[in-house]
All heavy atoms as atom14 arrays in JSON, in Angstrom:
{
  "sequence": "MGSTERWRQITDAVREAGRMGVAELAALTGASEMTVRRDLEVLAEQGV",
  "atom14_mask": [
    [1, 1, 1, 1, 1, 1, 1, 1, 0, 0, 0, 0, 0, 0],
    [1, 1, 1, 1, 0, 0, 0, 0, 0, 0, 0, 0, 0, 0],
    [1, 1, 1, 1, 1, 1, 0, 0, 0, 0, 0, 0, 0, 0],
    [1, 1, 1, 1, 1, 1, 1, 0, 0, 0, 0, 0, 0, 0],
    [1, 1, 1, 1, 1, 1, 1, 1, 1, 0, 0, 0, 0, 0],
    [1, 1, 1, 1, 1, 1, 1, 1, 1, 1, 1, 0, 0, 0],
    [1, 1, 1, 1, 1, 1, 1, 1, 1, 1, 1, 1, 1, 1],
    [1, 1, 1, 1, 1, 1, 1, 1, 1, 1, 1, 0, 0, 0],
    [1, 1, 1, 1, 1, 1, 1, 1, 1, 0, 0, 0, 0, 0],
    [1, 1, 1, 1, 1, 1, 1, 1, 0, 0, 0, 0, 0, 0],
    [1, 1, 1, 1, 1, 1, 1, 0, 0, 0, 0, 0, 0, 0],
    [1, 1, 1, 1, 1, 1, 1, 1, 0, 0, 0, 0, 0, 0],
    [1, 1, 1, 1, 1, 0, 0, 0, 0, 0, 0, 0, 0, 0],
    [1, 1, 1, 1, 1, 1, 1, 0, 0, 0, 0, 0, 0, 0],
    [1, 1, 1, 1, 1, 1, 1, 1, 1, 1, 1, 0, 0, 0],
    [1, 1, 1, 1, 1, 1, 1, 1, 1, 0, 0, 0, 0, 0],
    [1, 1, 1, 1, 1, 0, 0, 0, 0, 0, 0, 0, 0, 0],
    [1, 1, 1, 1, 0, 0, 0, 0, 0, 0, 0, 0, 0, 0],
    [1, 1, 1, 1, 1, 1, 1, 1, 1, 1, 1, 0, 0, 0],
    [1, 1, 1, 1, 1, 1, 1, 1, 0, 0, 0, 0, 0, 0],
    [1, 1, 1, 1, 0, 0, 0, 0, 0, 0, 0, 0, 0, 0],
    [1, 1, 1, 1, 1, 1, 1, 0, 0, 0, 0, 0, 0, 0],
    [1, 1, 1, 1, 1, 0, 0, 0, 0, 0, 0, 0, 0, 0],
    [1, 1, 1, 1, 1, 1, 1, 1, 1, 0, 0, 0, 0, 0],
    [1, 1, 1, 1, 1, 1, 1, 1, 0, 0, 0, 0, 0, 0],
    [1, 1, 1, 1, 1, 0, 0, 0, 0, 0, 0, 0, 0, 0],
    [1, 1, 1, 1, 1, 0, 0, 0, 0, 0, 0, 0, 0, 0],
    [1, 1, 1, 1, 1, 1, 1, 1, 0, 0, 0, 0, 0, 0],
    [1, 1, 1, 1, 1, 1, 1, 0, 0, 0, 0, 0, 0, 0],
    [1, 1, 1, 1, 0, 0, 0, 0, 0, 0, 0, 0, 0, 0],
    [1, 1, 1, 1, 1, 0, 0, 0, 0, 0, 0, 0, 0, 0],
    [1, 1, 1, 1, 1, 1, 0, 0, 0, 0, 0, 0, 0, 0],
    [1, 1, 1, 1, 1, 1, 1, 1, 1, 0, 0, 0, 0, 0],
    [1, 1, 1, 1, 1, 1, 1, 1, 0, 0, 0, 0, 0, 0],
    [1, 1, 1, 1, 1, 1, 1, 0, 0, 0, 0, 0, 0, 0],
    [1, 1, 1, 1, 1, 1, 1, 0, 0, 0, 0, 0, 0, 0],
    [1, 1, 1, 1, 1, 1, 1, 1, 1, 1, 1, 0, 0, 0],
    [1, 1, 1, 1, 1, 1, 1, 1, 1, 1, 1, 0, 0, 0],
    [1, 1, 1, 1, 1, 1, 1, 1, 0, 0, 0, 0, 0, 0],
    [1, 1, 1, 1, 1, 1, 1, 1, 0, 0, 0, 0, 0, 0],
    [1, 1, 1, 1, 1, 1, 1, 1, 1, 0, 0, 0, 0, 0],
    [1, 1, 1, 1, 1, 1, 1, 0, 0, 0, 0, 0, 0, 0],
    [1, 1, 1, 1, 1, 1, 1, 1, 0, 0, 0, 0, 0, 0],
    [1, 1, 1, 1, 1, 0, 0, 0, 0, 0, 0, 0, 0, 0],
    [1, 1, 1, 1, 1, 1, 1, 1, 1, 0, 0, 0, 0, 0],
    [1, 1, 1, 1, 1, 1, 1, 1, 1, 0, 0, 0, 0, 0],
    [1, 1, 1, 1, 0, 0, 0, 0, 0, 0, 0, 0, 0, 0],
    [1, 1, 1, 1, 1, 1, 1, 0, 0, 0, 0, 0, 0, 0]
  ],
  "atom14_positions": [
    [[6.76, 5.9, -9.6], [6.64, 6.19, -8.2], [7.62, 5.33, -7.37], [7.66, 4.14, -7.56], [5.18, 5.9, -7.69], [4.93, 6.25, -6.27], [3.31, 5.69, -5.71], [2.26, 6.63, -6.82], [0.0, 0.0, 0.0], [0.0, 0.0, 0.0], [0.0, 0.0, 0.0], [0.0, 0.0, 0.0], [0.0, 0.0, 0.0], [0.0, 0.0, 0.0]],
    [[8.43, 5.93, -6.56], [9.37, 5.2, -5.73], [8.62, 4.42, -4.54], [7.46, 4.76, -4.24], [0.0, 0.0, 0.0], [0.0, 0.0, 0.0], [0.0, 0.0, 0.0], [0.0, 0.0, 0.0], [0.0, 0.0, 0.0], [0.0, 0.0, 0.0], [0.0, 0.0, 0.0], [0.0, 0.0, 0.0], [0.0, 0.0, 0.0], [0.0, 0.0, 0.0]],
    [[9.39, 3.59, -3.95], [8.77, 2.73, -2.87], [8.31, 3.58, -1.69], [7.22, 3.37, -1.16], [9.73, 1.67, -2.4], [10.93, 2.22, -1.98], [0.0, 0.0, 0.0], [0.0, 0.0, 0.0], [0.0, 0.0, 0.0], [0.0, 0.0, 0.0], [0.0, 0.0, 0.0], [0.0, 0.0, 0.0], [0.0, 0.0, 0.0], [0.0, 0.0, 0.0]],
    [[9.1, 4.64, -1.33], [8.74, 5.46, -0.21], [7.5, 6.2, -0.43], [6.59, 6.25, 0.37], [9.91, 6.4, 0.16], [11.08, 5.68, 0.48], [9.53, 7.24, 1.4], [0.0, 0.0, 0.0], [0.0, 0.0, 0.0], [0.0, 0.0, 0.0], [0.0, 0.0, 0.0], [0.0, 0.0, 0.0], [0.0, 0.0, 0.0], [0.0, 0.0, 0.0]],
    [[7.36, 6.75, -1.66], [6.12, 7.48, -2.0], [4.94, 6.59, -2.06], [3.82, 6.91, -1.63], [6.3, 8.16, -3.34], [5.15, 9.0, -3.72], [5.3, 9.64, -5.16], [6.48, 9.51, -5.7], [4.39, 10.26, -5.62], [0.0, 0.0, 0.0], [0.0, 0.0, 0.0], [0.0, 0.0, 0.0], [0.0, 0.0, 0.0], [0.0, 0.0, 0.0]],
    [[5.2, 5.34, -2.57], [4.05, 4.35, -2.63], [3.63, 3.93, -1.22], [2.44, 3.81, -0.95], [4.53, 3.18, -3.44], [3.41, 2.25, -3.93], [3.9, 1.24, -4.88], [4.93, 0.36, -4.26], [6.21, 0.36, -4.69], [6.61, 1.17, -5.68], [7.13, -0.45, -4.13], [0.0, 0.0, 0.0], [0.0, 0.0, 0.0], [0.0, 0.0, 0.0]],
    [[4.64, 3.78, -0.31], [4.22, 3.39, 1.09], [3.41, 4.49, 1.7], [2.48, 4.18, 2.41], [5.51, 3.11, 1.91], [6.29, 1.93, 1.43], [5.83, 0.89, 0.69], [7.71, 1.66, 1.76], [6.91, 0.01, 0.51], [8.03, 0.45, 1.12], [8.7, 2.37, 2.43], [9.26, -0.09, 1.21], [9.95, 1.79, 2.58], [10.25, 0.61, 1.97]],
    [[3.81, 5.69, 1.46], [3.03, 6.84, 2.08], [1.58, 6.88, 1.49], [0.6, 7.03, 2.18], [3.73, 8.15, 1.82], [2.89, 9.44, 2.07], [2.38, 9.46, 3.46], [3.4, 9.93, 4.46], [3.15, 10.11, 5.71], [1.94, 9.91, 6.19], [4.1, 10.51, 6.49], [0.0, 0.0, 0.0], [0.0, 0.0, 0.0], [0.0, 0.0, 0.0]],
    [[1.46, 6.61, 0.15], [0.19, 6.66, -0.46], [-0.71, 5.43, 0.12], [-1.89, 5.68, 0.38], [0.32, 6.62, -2.02], [-0.99, 6.81, -2.74], [-0.77, 6.89, -4.26], [0.35, 6.6, -4.74], [-1.75, 7.25, -4.96], [0.0, 0.0, 0.0], [0.0, 0.0, 0.0], [0.0, 0.0, 0.0], [0.0, 0.0, 0.0], [0.0, 0.0, 0.0]],
    [[-0.13, 4.32, 0.25], [-0.86, 3.2, 0.76], [-1.26, 3.47, 2.16], [-2.4, 3.19, 2.62], [-0.01, 1.95, 0.66], [0.17, 1.45, -0.75], [-0.65, 0.78, 1.52], [1.15, 0.33, -0.95], [0.0, 0.0, 0.0], [0.0, 0.0, 0.0], [0.0, 0.0, 0.0], [0.0, 0.0, 0.0], [0.0, 0.0, 0.0], [0.0, 0.0, 0.0]],
    [[-0.34, 3.98, 3.02], [-0.6, 4.25, 4.39], [-1.78, 5.19, 4.59], [-2.7, 5.02, 5.35], [0.66, 4.86, 5.13], [1.69, 3.89, 5.04], [0.38, 5.29, 6.54], [0.0, 0.0, 0.0], [0.0, 0.0, 0.0], [0.0, 0.0, 0.0], [0.0, 0.0, 0.0], [0.0, 0.0, 0.0], [0.0, 0.0, 0.0], [0.0, 0.0, 0.0]],
    [[-1.71, 6.35, 3.78], [-2.77, 7.32, 3.84], [-4.14, 6.8, 3.35], [-5.17, 7.09, 4.0], [-2.41, 8.53, 2.97], [-1.21, 9.37, 3.6], [-0.88, 9.18, 4.76], [-0.64, 10.14, 2.85], [0.0, 0.0, 0.0], [0.0, 0.0, 0.0], [0.0, 0.0, 0.0], [0.0, 0.0, 0.0], [0.0, 0.0, 0.0], [0.0, 0.0, 0.0]],
    [[-4.11, 6.02, 2.25], [-5.34, 5.51, 1.76], [-6.01, 4.48, 2.68], [-7.24, 4.5, 2.93], [-5.13, 4.81, 0.38], [0.0, 0.0, 0.0], [0.0, 0.0, 0.0], [0.0, 0.0, 0.0], [0.0, 0.0, 0.0], [0.0, 0.0, 0.0], [0.0, 0.0, 0.0], [0.0, 0.0, 0.0], [0.0, 0.0, 0.0], [0.0, 0.0, 0.0]],
    [[-5.2, 3.58, 3.29], [-5.77, 2.6, 4.21], [-6.24, 3.28, 5.5], [-7.22, 2.91, 6.02], [-4.69, 1.48, 4.5], [-5.24, 0.53, 5.53], [-4.44, 0.73, 3.24], [0.0, 0.0, 0.0], [0.0, 0.0, 0.0], [0.0, 0.0, 0.0], [0.0, 0.0, 0.0], [0.0, 0.0, 0.0], [0.0, 0.0, 0.0], [0.0, 0.0, 0.0]],
    [[-5.51, 4.28, 5.94], [-5.93, 4.97, 7.15], [-7.29, 5.7, 6.88], [-8.12, 5.67, 7.77], [-4.85, 6.0, 7.63], [-5.26, 6.78, 8.78], [-4.17, 7.43, 9.61], [-3.3, 8.27, 8.78], [-2.33, 8.89, 9.29], [-2.16, 8.94, 10.55], [-1.45, 9.62, 8.52], [0.0, 0.0, 0.0], [0.0, 0.0, 0.0], [0.0, 0.0, 0.0]],
    [[-7.41, 6.29, 5.74], [-8.6, 7.06, 5.39], [-9.82, 6.12, 5.28], [-10.9, 6.43, 5.8], [-8.39, 7.8, 4.11], [-9.61, 8.69, 3.68], [-9.86, 9.8, 4.62], [-8.88, 10.31, 5.24], [-11.01, 10.3, 4.68], [0.0, 0.0, 0.0], [0.0, 0.0, 0.0], [0.0, 0.0, 0.0], [0.0, 0.0, 0.0], [0.0, 0.0, 0.0]],
    [[-9.59, 4.93, 4.65], [-10.68, 4.03, 4.42], [-10.92, 3.03, 5.58], [-11.99, 2.47, 5.66], [-10.44, 3.23, 3.14], [0.0, 0.0, 0.0], [0.0, 0.0, 0.0], [0.0, 0.0, 0.0], [0.0, 0.0, 0.0], [0.0, 0.0, 0.0], [0.0, 0.0, 0.0], [0.0, 0.0, 0.0], [0.0, 0.0, 0.0], [0.0, 0.0, 0.0]],
    [[-9.98, 2.85, 6.36], [-9.97, 1.89, 7.44], [-9.43, 0.51, 7.0], [-8.67, -0.05, 7.77], [0.0, 0.0, 0.0], [0.0, 0.0, 0.0], [0.0, 0.0, 0.0], [0.0, 0.0, 0.0], [0.0, 0.0, 0.0], [0.0, 0.0, 0.0], [0.0, 0.0, 0.0], [0.0, 0.0, 0.0], [0.0, 0.0, 0.0], [0.0, 0.0, 0.0]],
    [[-9.79, 0.11, 5.88], [-9.23, -1.13, 5.27], [-9.33, -1.04, 3.76], [-10.21, -0.42, 3.23], [-9.94, -2.35, 5.81], [-11.43, -2.46, 5.51], [-11.98, -3.83, 5.95], [-11.87, -3.98, 7.31], [-11.88, -5.17, 7.95], [-11.98, -6.31, 7.31], [-11.83, -5.24, 9.31], [0.0, 0.0, 0.0], [0.0, 0.0, 0.0], [0.0, 0.0, 0.0]],
    [[-8.44, -1.75, 3.04], [-8.47, -1.74, 1.58], [-7.94, -3.07, 1.08], [-7.08, -3.7, 1.71], [-7.68, -0.56, 0.93], [-8.36, 0.72, 1.13], [-7.5, 2.11, 0.23], [-8.03, 1.68, -1.49], [0.0, 0.0, 0.0], [0.0, 0.0, 0.0], [0.0, 0.0, 0.0], [0.0, 0.0, 0.0], [0.0, 0.0, 0.0], [0.0, 0.0, 0.0]],
    [[-8.34, -3.56, -0.1], [-7.88, -4.77, -0.69], [-6.65, -4.47, -1.5], [-6.37, -3.36, -1.96], [0.0, 0.0, 0.0], [0.0, 0.0, 0.0], [0.0, 0.0, 0.0], [0.0, 0.0, 0.0], [0.0, 0.0, 0.0], [0.0, 0.0, 0.0], [0.0, 0.0, 0.0], [0.0, 0.0, 0.0], [0.0, 0.0, 0.0], [0.0, 0.0, 0.0]],
    [[-5.98, -5.63, -1.78], [-4.74, -5.52, -2.62], [-5.0, -4.98, -3.98], [-4.35, -4.13, -4.49], [-4.06, -6.94, -2.68], [-2.93, -6.89, -3.75], [-3.54, -7.34, -1.34], [0.0, 0.0, 0.0], [0.0, 0.0, 0.0], [0.0, 0.0, 0.0], [0.0, 0.0, 0.0], [0.0, 0.0, 0.0], [0.0, 0.0, 0.0], [0.0, 0.0, 0.0]],
    [[-6.09, -5.44, -4.63], [-6.49, -5.02, -5.93], [-6.73, -3.47, -5.96], [-6.33, -2.77, -6.9], [-7.71, -5.81, -6.44], [0.0, 0.0, 0.0], [0.0, 0.0, 0.0], [0.0, 0.0, 0.0], [0.0, 0.0, 0.0], [0.0, 0.0, 0.0], [0.0, 0.0, 0.0], [0.0, 0.0, 0.0], [0.0, 0.0, 0.0], [0.0, 0.0, 0.0]],
    [[-7.48, -2.97, -4.96], [-7.79, -1.57, -4.87], [-6.46, -0.74, -4.75], [-6.25, 0.26, -5.44], [-8.61, -1.29, -3.63], [-9.97, -1.79, -3.68], [-10.74, -1.6, -2.42], [-10.41, -2.24, -1.42], [-11.64, -0.67, -2.37], [0.0, 0.0, 0.0], [0.0, 0.0, 0.0], [0.0, 0.0, 0.0], [0.0, 0.0, 0.0], [0.0, 0.0, 0.0]],
    [[-5.55, -1.23, -3.95], [-4.29, -0.52, -3.74], [-3.41, -0.55, -5.03], [-2.73, 0.35, -5.33], [-3.53, -1.08, -2.53], [-4.23, -0.85, -1.17], [-3.54, -1.64, -0.11], [-4.15, 0.63, -0.8], [0.0, 0.0, 0.0], [0.0, 0.0, 0.0], [0.0, 0.0, 0.0], [0.0, 0.0, 0.0], [0.0, 0.0, 0.0], [0.0, 0.0, 0.0]],
    [[-3.43, -1.71, -5.72], [-2.68, -1.8, -6.96], [-3.23, -0.81, -7.96], [-2.46, -0.11, -8.68], [-2.78, -3.21, -7.46], [0.0, 0.0, 0.0], [0.0, 0.0, 0.0], [0.0, 0.0, 0.0], [0.0, 0.0, 0.0], [0.0, 0.0, 0.0], [0.0, 0.0, 0.0], [0.0, 0.0, 0.0], [0.0, 0.0, 0.0], [0.0, 0.0, 0.0]],
    [[-4.55, -0.67, -8.07], [-5.15, 0.34, -8.97], [-4.79, 1.73, -8.55], [-4.46, 2.61, -9.42], [-6.68, 0.12, -9.04], [0.0, 0.0, 0.0], [0.0, 0.0, 0.0], [0.0, 0.0, 0.0], [0.0, 0.0, 0.0], [0.0, 0.0, 0.0], [0.0, 0.0, 0.0], [0.0, 0.0, 0.0], [0.0, 0.0, 0.0], [0.0, 0.0, 0.0]],
    [[-4.75, 1.98, -7.25], [-4.46, 3.35, -6.77], [-3.01, 3.76, -7.09], [-2.7, 4.86, -7.5], [-4.75, 3.38, -5.25], [-4.36, 4.65, -4.51], [-5.24, 5.79, -4.92], [-4.33, 4.49, -3.0], [0.0, 0.0, 0.0], [0.0, 0.0, 0.0], [0.0, 0.0, 0.0], [0.0, 0.0, 0.0], [0.0, 0.0, 0.0], [0.0, 0.0, 0.0]],
    [[-2.1, 2.83, -6.81], [-0.67, 3.14, -6.95], [-0.07, 2.92, -8.35], [1.02, 3.36, -8.65], [0.15, 2.37, -5.97], [0.05, 0.92, -6.2], [-0.28, 2.59, -4.51], [0.0, 0.0, 0.0], [0.0, 0.0, 0.0], [0.0, 0.0, 0.0], [0.0, 0.0, 0.0], [0.0, 0.0, 0.0], [0.0, 0.0, 0.0], [0.0, 0.0, 0.0]],
    [[-0.78, 2.14, -9.14], [-0.29, 1.74, -10.43], [0.82, 0.65, -10.35], [1.46, 0.32, -11.39], [0.0, 0.0, 0.0], [0.0, 0.0, 0.0], [0.0, 0.0, 0.0], [0.0, 0.0, 0.0], [0.0, 0.0, 0.0], [0.0, 0.0, 0.0], [0.0, 0.0, 0.0], [0.0, 0.0, 0.0], [0.0, 0.0, 0.0], [0.0, 0.0, 0.0]],
    [[0.93, 0.03, -9.2], [1.9, -1.09, -9.09], [1.21, -2.42, -9.18], [-0.02, -2.47, -9.22], [2.54, -1.01, -7.67], [0.0, 0.0, 0.0], [0.0, 0.0, 0.0], [0.0, 0.0, 0.0], [0.0, 0.0, 0.0], [0.0, 0.0, 0.0], [0.0, 0.0, 0.0], [0.0, 0.0, 0.0], [0.0, 0.0, 0.0], [0.0, 0.0, 0.0]],
    [[1.99, -3.5, -9.39], [1.42, -4.79, -9.5], [0.91, -5.25, -8.13], [1.37, -4.75, -7.08], [2.43, -5.8, -10.0], [3.47, -6.0, -9.07], [0.0, 0.0, 0.0], [0.0, 0.0, 0.0], [0.0, 0.0, 0.0], [0.0, 0.0, 0.0], [0.0, 0.0, 0.0], [0.0, 0.0, 0.0], [0.0, 0.0, 0.0], [0.0, 0.0, 0.0]],
    [[0.03, -6.24, -8.13], [-0.51, -6.79, -6.84], [0.63, -7.42, -6.06], [0.61, -7.34, -4.88], [-1.62, -7.74, -7.13], [-2.89, -7.07, -7.72], [-4.07, -8.0, -7.71], [-4.05, -9.1, -7.11], [-5.09, -7.63, -8.35], [0.0, 0.0, 0.0], [0.0, 0.0, 0.0], [0.0, 0.0, 0.0], [0.0, 0.0, 0.0], [0.0, 0.0, 0.0]],
    [[1.58, -8.09, -6.74], [2.7, -8.63, -6.04], [3.54, -7.57, -5.32], [3.89, -7.8, -4.17], [3.63, -9.42, -7.04], [4.81, -10.08, -6.38], [5.82, -11.01, -7.57], [4.54, -12.32, -8.08], [0.0, 0.0, 0.0], [0.0, 0.0, 0.0], [0.0, 0.0, 0.0], [0.0, 0.0, 0.0], [0.0, 0.0, 0.0], [0.0, 0.0, 0.0]],
    [[3.77, -6.46, -5.99], [4.47, -5.37, -5.36], [3.72, -4.85, -4.15], [4.32, -4.58, -3.1], [4.73, -4.23, -6.37], [5.57, -4.71, -7.45], [5.45, -3.09, -5.72], [0.0, 0.0, 0.0], [0.0, 0.0, 0.0], [0.0, 0.0, 0.0], [0.0, 0.0, 0.0], [0.0, 0.0, 0.0], [0.0, 0.0, 0.0], [0.0, 0.0, 0.0]],
    [[2.38, -4.69, -4.34], [1.59, -4.14, -3.22], [1.69, -5.12, -2.01], [1.74, -4.67, -0.81], [0.17, -3.92, -3.71], [-0.81, -3.67, -2.46], [0.09, -2.78, -4.58], [0.0, 0.0, 0.0], [0.0, 0.0, 0.0], [0.0, 0.0, 0.0], [0.0, 0.0, 0.0], [0.0, 0.0, 0.0], [0.0, 0.0, 0.0], [0.0, 0.0, 0.0]],
    [[1.59, -6.39, -2.29], [1.68, -7.36, -1.2], [3.01, -7.2, -0.44], [3.02, -7.28, 0.82], [1.55, -8.78, -1.72], [0.11, -9.16, -2.13], [0.02, -10.67, -2.4], [-1.31, -10.96, -2.95], [-1.67, -10.96, -4.23], [-0.74, -10.78, -5.16], [-2.93, -11.25, -4.6], [0.0, 0.0, 0.0], [0.0, 0.0, 0.0], [0.0, 0.0, 0.0]],
    [[4.13, -7.03, -1.16], [5.38, -6.82, -0.51], [5.4, -5.54, 0.34], [5.91, -5.45, 1.43], [6.5, -6.8, -1.57], [6.87, -8.11, -2.12], [8.27, -8.1, -2.76], [8.28, -7.19, -3.96], [8.07, -7.54, -5.24], [7.77, -8.83, -5.43], [8.03, -6.7, -6.21], [0.0, 0.0, 0.0], [0.0, 0.0, 0.0], [0.0, 0.0, 0.0]],
    [[4.75, -4.48, -0.26], [4.66, -3.21, 0.47], [3.89, -3.39, 1.75], [4.23, -2.86, 2.83], [3.96, -2.14, -0.39], [4.84, -1.72, -1.58], [6.04, -1.91, -1.51], [4.19, -1.11, -2.53], [0.0, 0.0, 0.0], [0.0, 0.0, 0.0], [0.0, 0.0, 0.0], [0.0, 0.0, 0.0], [0.0, 0.0, 0.0], [0.0, 0.0, 0.0]],
    [[2.8, -4.13, 1.69], [2.01, -4.33, 2.9], [2.76, -5.1, 3.98], [2.57, -4.86, 5.13], [0.71, -5.16, 2.5], [-0.28, -4.39, 1.64], [-1.49, -5.23, 1.4], [-0.71, -2.98, 2.25], [0.0, 0.0, 0.0], [0.0, 0.0, 0.0], [0.0, 0.0, 0.0], [0.0, 0.0, 0.0], [0.0, 0.0, 0.0], [0.0, 0.0, 0.0]],
    [[3.64, -6.05, 3.58], [4.44, -6.73, 4.56], [5.39, -5.78, 5.21], [5.54, -5.86, 6.42], [5.21, -7.88, 3.86], [4.34, -9.05, 3.29], [3.72, -9.84, 4.38], [4.21, -9.72, 5.64], [2.71, -10.49, 4.16], [0.0, 0.0, 0.0], [0.0, 0.0, 0.0], [0.0, 0.0, 0.0], [0.0, 0.0, 0.0], [0.0, 0.0, 0.0]],
    [[6.03, -4.89, 4.47], [6.97, -3.92, 5.02], [6.17, -3.01, 6.01], [6.66, -2.79, 7.14], [7.59, -3.05, 3.91], [8.37, -1.93, 4.55], [8.45, -3.9, 3.07], [0.0, 0.0, 0.0], [0.0, 0.0, 0.0], [0.0, 0.0, 0.0], [0.0, 0.0, 0.0], [0.0, 0.0, 0.0], [0.0, 0.0, 0.0], [0.0, 0.0, 0.0]],
    [[5.01, -2.53, 5.66], [4.23, -1.61, 6.47], [3.7, -2.34, 7.72], [3.57, -1.73, 8.78], [3.12, -0.99, 5.66], [3.61, -0.01, 4.52], [2.41, 0.39, 3.71], [4.3, 1.15, 5.11], [0.0, 0.0, 0.0], [0.0, 0.0, 0.0], [0.0, 0.0, 0.0], [0.0, 0.0, 0.0], [0.0, 0.0, 0.0], [0.0, 0.0, 0.0]],
    [[3.4, -3.59, 7.51], [2.96, -4.39, 8.71], [4.08, -4.5, 9.71], [3.82, -4.48, 10.96], [2.39, -5.78, 8.31], [0.0, 0.0, 0.0], [0.0, 0.0, 0.0], [0.0, 0.0, 0.0], [0.0, 0.0, 0.0], [0.0, 0.0, 0.0], [0.0, 0.0, 0.0], [0.0, 0.0, 0.0], [0.0, 0.0, 0.0], [0.0, 0.0, 0.0]],
    [[5.29, -4.75, 9.28], [6.44, -4.89, 10.16], [6.72, -3.55, 10.94], [7.25, -3.6, 12.01], [7.66, -5.28, 9.33], [7.66, -6.71, 8.81], [8.81, -6.97, 7.9], [9.64, -6.06, 7.7], [8.89, -8.14, 7.35], [0.0, 0.0, 0.0], [0.0, 0.0, 0.0], [0.0, 0.0, 0.0], [0.0, 0.0, 0.0], [0.0, 0.0, 0.0]],
    [[6.3, -2.45, 10.31], [6.56, -1.18, 10.97], [5.33, -0.75, 11.81], [5.41, 0.37, 12.46], [6.81, -0.06, 9.9], [8.12, -0.34, 9.12], [8.31, 0.69, 7.99], [7.47, 1.55, 7.78], [9.44, 0.54, 7.33], [0.0, 0.0, 0.0], [0.0, 0.0, 0.0], [0.0, 0.0, 0.0], [0.0, 0.0, 0.0], [0.0, 0.0, 0.0]],
    [[4.37, -1.59, 11.93], [3.27, -1.26, 12.83], [2.23, -0.28, 12.3], [1.38, 0.24, 12.98], [0.0, 0.0, 0.0], [0.0, 0.0, 0.0], [0.0, 0.0, 0.0], [0.0, 0.0, 0.0], [0.0, 0.0, 0.0], [0.0, 0.0, 0.0], [0.0, 0.0, 0.0], [0.0, 0.0, 0.0], [0.0, 0.0, 0.0], [0.0, 0.0, 0.0]],
    [[2.25, -0.1, 10.97], [1.39, 0.87, 10.31], [0.03, 0.23, 10.02], [-1.01, 0.89, 10.17], [2.02, 1.39, 8.98], [1.02, 2.29, 8.21], [3.29, 2.08, 9.25], [0.0, 0.0, 0.0], [0.0, 0.0, 0.0], [0.0, 0.0, 0.0], [0.0, 0.0, 0.0], [0.0, 0.0, 0.0], [0.0, 0.0, 0.0], [0.0, 0.0, 0.0]]
  ]
}
């Protein structure tokens, strides 16, 4: 899964649930928790 697709999956999942933990998002996307944390930083900068 590319980063753009992963960002969309994280955005949709968090929007649907309201909030989600790093471990949950790592399990959902198949990425490492470190990668998910970096993704969350990017999405936070974009106001998502």
